[in-house]
């Protein structure tokens, strides 16, 4: 039997195990269960004395790991099977999404206060990382690094030292996510920076993003995005606290390979029902989720699946986490234009007629007149702020003003279409 101790802010939660047949298991520790205030790891893993089977615990623990080609490349670098979640967490589980750390039995996490003393990377160090990430996701195998993030895009968790990117020391909480531009698609740094900032400008809660441009020795430029981690909280004397979180697939017990509704993953009614069951402020979070649905439809983010919404667990209780991974996917012909989670049974904004909005409101248990007013107001706000958001980003040297202008124009057009359809629902 192989074992990993699961830690939460310096406290032992329980053990993740792998038996001789390779089966995953998890059990809460007796001390954790004895503390009535100690929370469950997941809405899908309630506190109990009995161990959880692989089927029960794999959606949560497997959901902490990279996906698709990223997982395969990381596993190959580490010399393990891509299907072996235990082995991957053993090698990558020092800093994951949320508050947890995975360590060998008998090894305790370092003191949260450090000292850490990470070394900031110069331009050449950053170029090395940007070049390495496609082949070595999360810099898997780099000495001293045990980092993991879910998702199918190349990225790596980092820290900032005087605004300069640095790799963390072993056990150090990371504060930002570095996302290189995607080689397959045009302008993804501009696209994600624009879409994320558009959400904030429209009044939604989204993670902070900063696009950066790195000049190469040959005189060229490389872009990347820094995303502030909402599951990290700064404290006194530079201390960073890990905040627990889980995505909707983890909370609903859905394995990551079924994150899309069409593959058996969460639907929007499932998402609203989860918030009403788990959130400490269900009514407020239902409205935030409604806003996110409208925003993604208008912004052309067709990839808003179950792993791109999360619950954040802080002192106020579980709540809908800030939005992340917002990208206008409909501008890329190679990506499906169909919503990852259908809206009232409709798969595209072009198909979202008054009947679709009515069906959505009914299944989300929201009053249609309210949905019409709130969604219409948000769409108008998106249209109003799209131009200024694009213009502000275009002032950053090295970003493509034409691409940003195209995105802003597209948002305005899609917002107008959404408003026109919503107005018809009151006819």
Protein backbone atom coordinates (compact mmCIF):
# COMPACT_ATOMS: atom_id res chain seq x y z
CA UNK A 1 0.00 0.00 0.00
CA UNK A 2 1.38 3.39 -1.00
CA UNK A 3 0.36 6.44 0.99
CA UNK A 4 0.38 10.23 0.74
CA UNK A 5 -0.60 12.45 3.65
CA UNK A 6 -3.08 15.17 2.75
CA UNK A 7 -2.38 18.46 4.57
CA UNK A 8 -4.55 21.57 4.91
CA UNK A 9 -2.83 24.66 6.38
CA UNK A 10 -0.42 22.59 8.41
CA UNK A 11 -3.06 20.13 9.64
CA UNK A 12 -3.26 16.48 8.64
CA UNK A 13 -6.58 15.81 6.92
CA UNK A 14 -6.16 12.14 6.04
CA UNK A 15 -4.44 9.77 3.66
CA UNK A 16 -4.61 9.20 -0.06
CA UNK A 17 -3.71 5.59 -0.79
CA UNK A 18 -2.97 3.29 -3.70
CA UNK A 19 -3.29 -0.45 -3.11
CA UNK A 20 -1.34 -3.25 -4.75
CA UNK A 21 -3.86 -3.36 -7.60
CA UNK A 22 -3.34 0.35 -8.31
CA UNK A 23 -6.71 1.39 -6.87
CA UNK A 24 -6.98 4.88 -5.39
CA UNK A 25 -8.57 5.46 -1.99
CA UNK A 26 -8.96 8.20 0.60
CA UNK A 27 -9.81 8.25 4.31
CA UNK A 28 -10.15 11.15 6.72
CA UNK A 29 -7.90 11.00 9.78
CA UNK A 30 -9.37 10.43 13.23
CA UNK A 31 -8.18 13.81 14.53
CA UNK A 32 -9.79 15.63 11.61
CA UNK A 33 -13.09 13.84 12.15
CA UNK A 34 -12.93 14.54 15.89
CA UNK A 35 -12.91 18.28 15.20
CA UNK A 36 -16.49 19.28 14.43
CA UNK A 37 -15.26 22.52 12.83
CA UNK A 38 -12.94 20.74 10.38
CA UNK A 39 -14.55 20.93 6.91
CA UNK A 40 -14.95 18.28 4.25
CA UNK A 41 -12.41 18.33 1.42
CA UNK A 42 -15.20 18.45 -1.13
CA UNK A 43 -18.96 18.62 -1.44
CA UNK A 44 -18.57 15.14 -2.99
CA UNK A 45 -16.45 13.81 -0.07
CA UNK A 46 -18.49 14.38 3.09
CA UNK A 47 -16.87 13.79 6.47
CA UNK A 48 -17.17 10.12 7.42
CA UNK A 49 -15.14 7.39 9.08
CA UNK A 50 -15.39 4.92 6.20
CA UNK A 51 -12.78 5.12 3.44
CA UNK A 52 -13.77 6.39 -0.01
CA UNK A 53 -13.37 4.13 -3.03
CA UNK A 54 -11.62 5.09 -6.25
CA UNK A 55 -14.94 5.83 -7.93
CA UNK A 56 -15.89 8.17 -5.10
CA UNK A 57 -12.62 10.04 -4.61
CA UNK A 58 -11.04 10.09 -8.08
CA UNK A 59 -13.15 13.03 -9.39
CA UNK A 60 -11.80 15.28 -6.65
CA UNK A 61 -8.17 14.15 -6.53
CA UNK A 62 -7.85 13.53 -10.27
CA UNK A 63 -9.38 16.96 -10.80
CA UNK A 64 -6.31 18.57 -9.23
CA UNK A 65 -4.10 17.40 -12.10
CA UNK A 66 -3.50 18.70 -15.63
CA UNK A 67 -5.63 17.28 -18.42
CA UNK A 68 -5.35 15.84 -21.91
CA UNK A 69 -2.00 16.52 -23.65
CA UNK A 70 -0.72 18.42 -20.62
CA UNK A 71 -1.16 15.38 -18.39
CA UNK A 72 0.35 13.05 -20.96
CA UNK A 73 3.42 15.24 -21.44
CA UNK A 74 3.92 15.72 -17.69
CA UNK A 75 3.56 11.99 -17.06
CA UNK A 76 6.05 11.17 -19.79
CA UNK A 77 8.56 13.60 -18.32
CA UNK A 78 8.10 12.11 -14.86
CA UNK A 79 8.24 8.51 -16.08
CA UNK A 80 4.77 7.51 -14.83
CA UNK A 81 1.46 6.58 -16.42
CA UNK A 82 -0.89 9.44 -17.29
CA UNK A 83 -3.71 7.38 -15.75
CA UNK A 84 -1.91 7.02 -12.41
CA UNK A 85 -3.32 9.91 -10.35
CA UNK A 86 -1.52 8.78 -7.20
CA UNK A 87 1.91 8.83 -8.86
CA UNK A 88 1.23 12.23 -10.43
CA UNK A 89 0.12 13.75 -7.12
CA UNK A 90 3.17 12.21 -5.47
CA UNK A 91 5.36 14.16 -7.89
CA UNK A 92 3.26 17.30 -8.46
CA UNK A 93 1.19 17.71 -5.30
CA UNK A 94 3.29 20.20 -3.34
CA UNK A 95 1.20 23.20 -4.47
CA UNK A 96 -2.19 22.58 -6.08
CA UNK A 97 -5.42 24.51 -6.60
CA UNK A 98 -6.91 25.19 -3.18
CA UNK A 99 -5.44 24.67 0.28
CA UNK A 100 -4.08 21.14 0.07
CA UNK A 101 -0.57 19.69 -0.04
CA UNK A 102 0.37 16.05 -0.62
CA UNK A 103 3.46 14.75 1.17
CA UNK A 104 5.00 11.36 1.95
CA UNK A 105 4.13 9.89 5.38
CA UNK A 106 6.30 11.32 8.12
CA UNK A 107 7.07 14.52 6.17
CA UNK A 108 5.42 17.71 7.37
CA UNK A 109 4.93 20.85 5.28
CA UNK A 110 7.32 23.73 5.93
CA UNK A 111 6.22 26.62 8.12
CA UNK A 112 3.80 28.83 6.23
CA UNK A 113 5.80 31.94 7.08
CA UNK A 114 8.95 30.70 5.33
CA UNK A 115 11.42 32.29 4.89
CA UNK A 116 11.29 31.41 1.21
CA UNK A 117 13.70 33.68 -0.66
CA UNK A 118 12.74 32.77 -4.23
CA UNK A 119 15.04 34.08 -6.93
CA UNK A 120 13.44 36.30 -9.54
CA UNK A 121 13.94 35.21 -13.14
CA UNK A 122 15.60 37.45 -15.68
CA UNK A 123 14.46 37.69 -19.29
CA UNK A 124 16.55 34.66 -20.31
CA UNK A 125 15.08 32.61 -17.46
CA UNK A 126 11.57 33.56 -18.52
CA UNK A 127 12.32 32.64 -22.13
CA UNK A 128 13.60 29.27 -20.95
CA UNK A 129 10.32 28.64 -19.13
CA UNK A 130 8.19 29.75 -22.08
CA UNK A 131 10.17 27.42 -24.34
CA UNK A 132 10.03 24.51 -21.87
CA UNK A 133 6.33 24.54 -20.96
CA UNK A 134 4.93 22.95 -24.15
CA UNK A 135 7.09 19.85 -23.63
CA UNK A 136 7.23 19.98 -19.83
CA UNK A 137 3.87 21.20 -18.46
CA UNK A 138 4.11 22.73 -14.98
CA UNK A 139 7.91 22.36 -15.37
CA UNK A 140 7.42 18.76 -14.29
CA UNK A 141 10.68 17.20 -13.20
CA UNK A 142 12.40 20.51 -12.41
CA UNK A 143 14.39 20.03 -9.24
CA UNK A 144 12.52 21.16 -6.14
CA UNK A 145 9.24 21.91 -7.94
CA UNK A 146 6.04 19.98 -7.17
CA UNK A 147 3.31 22.05 -8.80
CA UNK A 148 -0.07 21.12 -10.24
CA UNK A 149 -2.99 22.89 -11.88
CA UNK A 150 -6.00 21.48 -13.68
CA UNK A 151 -6.68 22.34 -17.31
CA UNK A 152 -5.57 21.52 -20.81
CA UNK A 153 -3.52 24.68 -21.41
CA UNK A 154 0.21 25.08 -20.77
CA UNK A 155 0.82 27.07 -17.57
CA UNK A 156 2.91 27.13 -14.41
CA UNK A 157 2.31 28.56 -10.91
CA UNK A 158 4.84 31.26 -9.92
CA UNK A 159 5.47 33.96 -7.34
CA UNK A 160 6.33 37.61 -7.85
CA UNK A 161 9.37 39.28 -6.29
CA UNK A 162 9.22 43.06 -6.72
CA UNK A 163 6.89 42.43 -9.69
CA UNK A 164 9.42 40.07 -11.26
CA UNK A 165 8.43 36.47 -11.98
CA UNK A 166 10.13 33.88 -9.76
CA UNK A 167 9.87 30.13 -9.34
CA UNK A 168 8.78 29.08 -5.85
CA UNK A 169 10.90 27.31 -3.28
CA UNK A 170 9.76 23.79 -2.27
CA UNK A 171 6.52 24.09 -0.31
CA UNK A 172 6.09 27.81 -0.95
CA UNK A 173 2.54 28.94 -1.80
CA UNK A 174 2.44 30.36 -5.31
CA UNK A 175 0.58 33.60 -5.98
CA UNK A 176 0.17 33.81 -9.76
CA UNK A 177 -0.27 31.60 -12.78
CA UNK A 178 1.92 32.19 -15.83
CA UNK A 179 0.16 31.35 -19.10
CA UNK A 180 2.17 31.53 -22.35
CA UNK A 181 0.48 32.41 -25.61
CA UNK A 182 -0.95 29.33 -27.31
CA UNK A 183 1.05 28.54 -30.45
CA UNK A 184 -1.99 27.13 -32.29
CA UNK A 185 -4.17 30.21 -31.95
CA UNK A 186 -3.69 33.88 -32.74
CA UNK A 187 -3.46 36.45 -29.96
CA UNK A 188 -4.47 34.33 -26.98
CA UNK A 189 -2.68 36.62 -24.53
CA UNK A 190 -4.60 39.63 -25.85
CA UNK A 191 -7.79 37.58 -26.03
CA UNK A 192 -7.76 36.30 -22.45
CA UNK A 193 -6.55 39.61 -21.02
CA UNK A 194 -9.35 41.41 -22.89
CA UNK A 195 -12.10 38.95 -21.95
CA UNK A 196 -11.10 38.79 -18.29
CA UNK A 197 -10.84 42.57 -17.96
CA UNK A 198 -14.10 42.97 -19.85
CA UNK A 199 -15.82 40.81 -17.23
CA UNK A 200 -14.43 42.99 -14.44
CA UNK A 201 -15.39 46.20 -16.24
CA UNK A 202 -18.92 44.85 -16.70
CA UNK A 203 -19.24 44.34 -12.94
CA UNK A 204 -18.46 40.63 -12.59
CA UNK A 205 -15.93 39.23 -10.13
CA UNK A 206 -12.99 37.82 -12.09
CA UNK A 207 -9.38 37.02 -11.31
CA UNK A 208 -6.93 39.84 -11.95
CA UNK A 209 -4.80 39.52 -15.09
CA UNK A 210 -1.73 41.29 -16.39
CA UNK A 211 -0.48 40.74 -19.94
CA UNK A 212 3.27 41.04 -20.33
CA UNK A 213 5.55 41.28 -23.34
CA UNK A 214 9.06 39.83 -23.24
CA UNK A 215 11.66 41.00 -25.75
CA UNK A 216 13.88 38.26 -27.15
CA UNK A 217 17.63 38.59 -27.84
CA UNK A 218 16.81 38.40 -31.58
CA UNK A 219 14.63 41.50 -31.33
CA UNK A 220 11.29 39.67 -31.38
CA UNK A 221 8.62 39.57 -28.70
CA UNK A 222 6.89 36.87 -26.67
CA UNK A 223 3.67 37.49 -24.78
CA UNK A 224 2.34 35.81 -21.67
CA UNK A 225 -0.36 36.40 -19.10
CA UNK A 226 -0.01 36.60 -15.32
CA UNK A 227 -3.19 35.61 -13.49
CA UNK A 228 -3.52 36.48 -9.80
CA UNK A 229 -4.58 33.42 -7.82
CA UNK A 230 -7.87 34.01 -6.01
CA UNK A 231 -7.15 30.92 -3.87
CA UNK A 232 -4.20 32.69 -2.23
CA UNK A 233 -4.53 35.46 0.36
CA UNK A 234 -1.66 37.78 1.32
CA UNK A 235 -1.01 38.23 5.01
CA UNK A 236 1.37 40.10 7.33
CA UNK A 237 5.12 40.07 6.71
CA UNK A 238 4.69 38.65 3.23
CA UNK A 239 2.97 35.48 4.35
CA UNK A 240 0.63 33.92 1.80
CA UNK A 241 -2.25 31.74 2.92
CA UNK A 242 -3.74 28.99 0.78
CA UNK A 243 -7.55 29.15 0.47
CA UNK A 244 -9.45 25.99 -0.33
CA UNK A 245 -11.41 25.69 -3.56
CA UNK A 246 -12.84 23.06 -5.86
CA UNK A 247 -14.33 23.21 -9.33
CA UNK A 248 -17.90 22.18 -10.06
CA UNK A 249 -16.87 18.80 -11.47
CA UNK A 250 -15.02 17.99 -8.25
CA UNK A 251 -17.94 19.19 -6.11
CA UNK A 252 -20.42 17.11 -8.13
CA UNK A 253 -18.22 13.99 -8.24
CA UNK A 254 -17.73 14.17 -12.01
CA UNK A 255 -14.34 12.98 -13.36
CA UNK A 256 -12.40 15.57 -15.38
CA UNK A 257 -12.67 13.71 -18.69
CA UNK A 258 -16.45 14.26 -18.51
CA UNK A 259 -16.31 18.01 -17.91
CA UNK A 260 -18.48 18.84 -20.93
CA UNK A 261 -22.25 18.52 -20.64
CA UNK A 262 -22.37 16.59 -23.90
CA UNK A 263 -20.11 13.93 -22.34
CA UNK A 264 -22.19 13.58 -19.18
CA UNK A 265 -20.70 16.57 -17.37
CA UNK A 266 -22.47 19.27 -15.39
CA UNK A 267 -25.29 21.29 -16.93
CA UNK A 268 -26.37 24.78 -15.95
CA UNK A 269 -29.31 23.42 -13.90
CA UNK A 270 -26.77 21.22 -12.09
CA UNK A 271 -24.60 24.29 -11.42
CA UNK A 272 -27.47 26.35 -10.02
CA UNK A 273 -28.63 23.43 -7.87
CA UNK A 274 -25.09 22.97 -6.51
CA UNK A 275 -24.89 26.61 -5.43
CA UNK A 276 -28.29 26.45 -3.77
CA UNK A 277 -27.18 23.34 -1.87
CA UNK A 278 -23.64 24.31 -0.89
CA UNK A 279 -23.21 28.11 -0.95
CA UNK A 280 -23.38 30.12 2.24
CA UNK A 281 -25.14 32.83 0.19
CA UNK A 282 -27.14 30.82 -2.36
CA UNK A 283 -29.35 33.66 -3.63
CA UNK A 284 -26.43 36.02 -4.23
CA UNK A 285 -24.36 33.30 -5.88
CA UNK A 286 -27.25 32.26 -8.14
CA UNK A 287 -27.32 35.84 -9.45
CA UNK A 288 -23.55 35.80 -9.97
CA UNK A 289 -23.85 32.56 -11.92
CA UNK A 290 -26.64 34.07 -14.03
CA UNK A 291 -24.34 36.98 -14.83
CA UNK A 292 -21.55 34.55 -15.76
CA UNK A 293 -23.86 32.64 -18.11
CA UNK A 294 -24.91 35.84 -19.87
CA UNK A 295 -21.34 37.11 -20.05
CA UNK A 296 -19.98 33.89 -21.54
CA UNK A 297 -22.75 33.84 -24.14
CA UNK A 298 -22.09 37.43 -25.19
CA UNK A 299 -18.29 37.15 -24.98
CA UNK A 300 -18.27 34.01 -27.11
CA UNK A 301 -16.65 31.85 -24.44
CA UNK A 302 -18.01 28.50 -25.57
CA UNK A 303 -15.58 26.58 -23.32
CA UNK A 304 -17.30 27.41 -20.00
CA UNK A 305 -17.56 23.79 -18.80
CA UNK A 306 -17.85 22.30 -15.32
CA UNK A 307 -14.17 22.73 -14.49
CA UNK A 308 -14.24 26.43 -15.36
CA UNK A 309 -16.52 27.29 -12.43
CA UNK A 310 -15.40 26.81 -8.84
CA UNK A 311 -16.42 27.09 -5.22
CA UNK A 312 -14.14 29.09 -2.93
CA UNK A 313 -14.09 28.20 0.76
CA UNK A 314 -13.13 31.16 2.94
CA UNK A 315 -14.07 32.50 6.37
CA UNK A 316 -17.52 33.53 5.15
CA UNK A 317 -18.30 29.99 3.95
CA UNK A 318 -18.52 28.39 0.51
CA UNK A 319 -19.24 30.77 -2.36
CA UNK A 320 -18.91 31.04 -6.11
CA UNK A 321 -15.26 31.74 -6.88
CA UNK A 322 -14.17 34.62 -9.11
CA UNK A 323 -14.35 33.79 -12.80
CA UNK A 324 -11.24 32.54 -14.59
CA UNK A 325 -10.11 31.09 -17.94
CA UNK A 326 -12.39 33.46 -19.86
CA UNK A 327 -11.55 33.44 -23.56
CA UNK A 328 -13.47 34.42 -26.68
CA UNK A 329 -13.27 31.00 -28.32
CA UNK A 330 -15.68 31.70 -31.18
CA UNK A 331 -13.02 33.69 -33.05
CA UNK A 332 -11.07 30.48 -33.65
CA UNK A 333 -12.53 28.34 -36.48
CA UNK A 334 -10.81 25.21 -35.16
CA UNK A 335 -12.74 25.39 -31.86
CA UNK A 336 -16.36 24.39 -31.48
CA UNK A 337 -18.72 27.39 -31.33
CA UNK A 338 -21.24 25.40 -29.26
CA UNK A 339 -21.69 26.16 -25.56
CA UNK A 340 -20.03 23.68 -23.22
CA UNK A 341 -23.18 23.98 -21.10
CA UNK A 342 -26.34 24.63 -23.09
CA UNK A 343 -28.54 27.61 -22.28
CA UNK A 344 -32.15 26.52 -22.31
CA UNK A 345 -31.26 23.66 -24.63
CA UNK A 346 -29.58 25.99 -27.14
CA UNK A 347 -25.97 25.49 -28.12
CA UNK A 348 -25.02 28.86 -29.67
CA UNK A 349 -25.90 32.52 -29.20
CA UNK A 350 -27.36 32.50 -32.70
CA UNK A 351 -29.77 29.74 -31.62
CA UNK A 352 -30.71 31.38 -28.31
CA UNK A 353 -34.24 32.52 -29.09
CA UNK A 354 -36.91 33.75 -26.63
CA UNK A 355 -37.97 30.16 -26.03
CA UNK A 356 -34.42 29.27 -25.08
CA UNK A 357 -34.23 32.05 -22.50
CA UNK A 358 -37.61 30.99 -21.11
CA UNK A 359 -36.44 27.37 -20.81
CA UNK A 360 -33.21 28.48 -19.18
CA UNK A 361 -35.03 30.63 -16.60
CA UNK A 362 -37.40 27.79 -15.75
CA UNK A 363 -34.63 25.20 -15.30
CA UNK A 364 -32.49 27.62 -13.30
CA UNK A 365 -35.53 28.39 -11.12
CA UNK A 366 -35.35 32.10 -11.91
CA UNK A 367 -38.24 34.37 -12.92
CA UNK A 368 -38.14 35.07 -16.67
CA UNK A 369 -38.93 38.83 -16.34
CA UNK A 370 -36.04 39.15 -13.89
CA UNK A 371 -33.68 37.22 -16.19
CA UNK A 372 -34.72 39.43 -19.11
CA UNK A 373 -34.03 42.65 -17.20
CA UNK A 374 -30.76 41.56 -15.60
CA UNK A 375 -29.36 39.87 -18.69
CA UNK A 376 -30.33 42.80 -20.90
CA UNK A 377 -28.70 45.32 -18.56
CA UNK A 378 -25.50 43.25 -18.44
CA UNK A 379 -25.36 42.86 -22.23
CA UNK A 380 -25.72 46.62 -22.64
CA UNK A 381 -22.96 47.17 -20.10
CA UNK A 382 -20.66 44.77 -21.95
CA UNK A 383 -21.29 46.66 -25.18
CA UNK A 384 -20.53 49.99 -23.50
CA UNK A 385 -17.22 48.94 -21.90
CA UNK A 386 -15.81 46.69 -24.65
CA UNK A 387 -14.25 49.54 -26.61
CA UNK A 388 -12.56 51.23 -23.63
CA UNK A 389 -11.20 47.90 -22.34
CA UNK A 390 -9.67 47.14 -25.73
CA UNK A 391 -8.24 50.66 -26.07
CA UNK A 392 -6.59 50.48 -22.64
CA UNK A 393 -4.91 47.17 -23.45
CA UNK A 394 -3.81 48.45 -26.86
CA UNK A 395 -1.63 51.02 -25.06
CA UNK A 396 0.65 48.22 -23.82
CA UNK A 397 3.61 48.05 -26.24
CA UNK A 398 3.81 44.67 -27.93
CA UNK A 399 0.10 43.82 -27.81
CA UNK A 400 -1.82 43.81 -31.10
CA UNK A 401 -4.21 46.83 -31.30
CA UNK A 402 -5.97 45.47 -34.40
CA UNK A 403 -6.72 42.15 -32.70
CA UNK A 404 -8.02 43.92 -29.60
CA UNK A 405 -10.19 46.18 -31.75
CA UNK A 406 -11.62 43.17 -33.54
CA UNK A 407 -12.52 41.55 -30.22
CA UNK A 408 -14.21 44.72 -28.97
CA UNK A 409 -16.28 45.05 -32.13
CA UNK A 410 -17.32 41.41 -31.92
CA UNK A 411 -18.45 41.85 -28.30
CA UNK A 412 -20.54 44.87 -29.23
CA UNK A 413 -22.23 42.95 -32.06
CA UNK A 414 -22.94 39.90 -29.92
CA UNK A 415 -24.25 42.07 -27.08
CA UNK A 416 -26.68 43.81 -29.44
CA UNK A 417 -27.92 40.44 -30.69
CA UNK A 418 -28.44 39.27 -27.10
CA UNK A 419 -30.37 42.41 -26.14
CA UNK A 420 -32.63 42.13 -29.19
CA UNK A 421 -33.49 38.52 -28.38
CA UNK A 422 -34.14 39.27 -24.72
CA UNK A 423 -36.51 42.09 -25.63
CA UNK A 424 -38.55 39.62 -27.65
CA UNK A 425 -39.11 37.47 -24.55
CA UNK A 426 -41.42 40.18 -23.19
CA UNK A 427 -43.50 40.40 -26.36
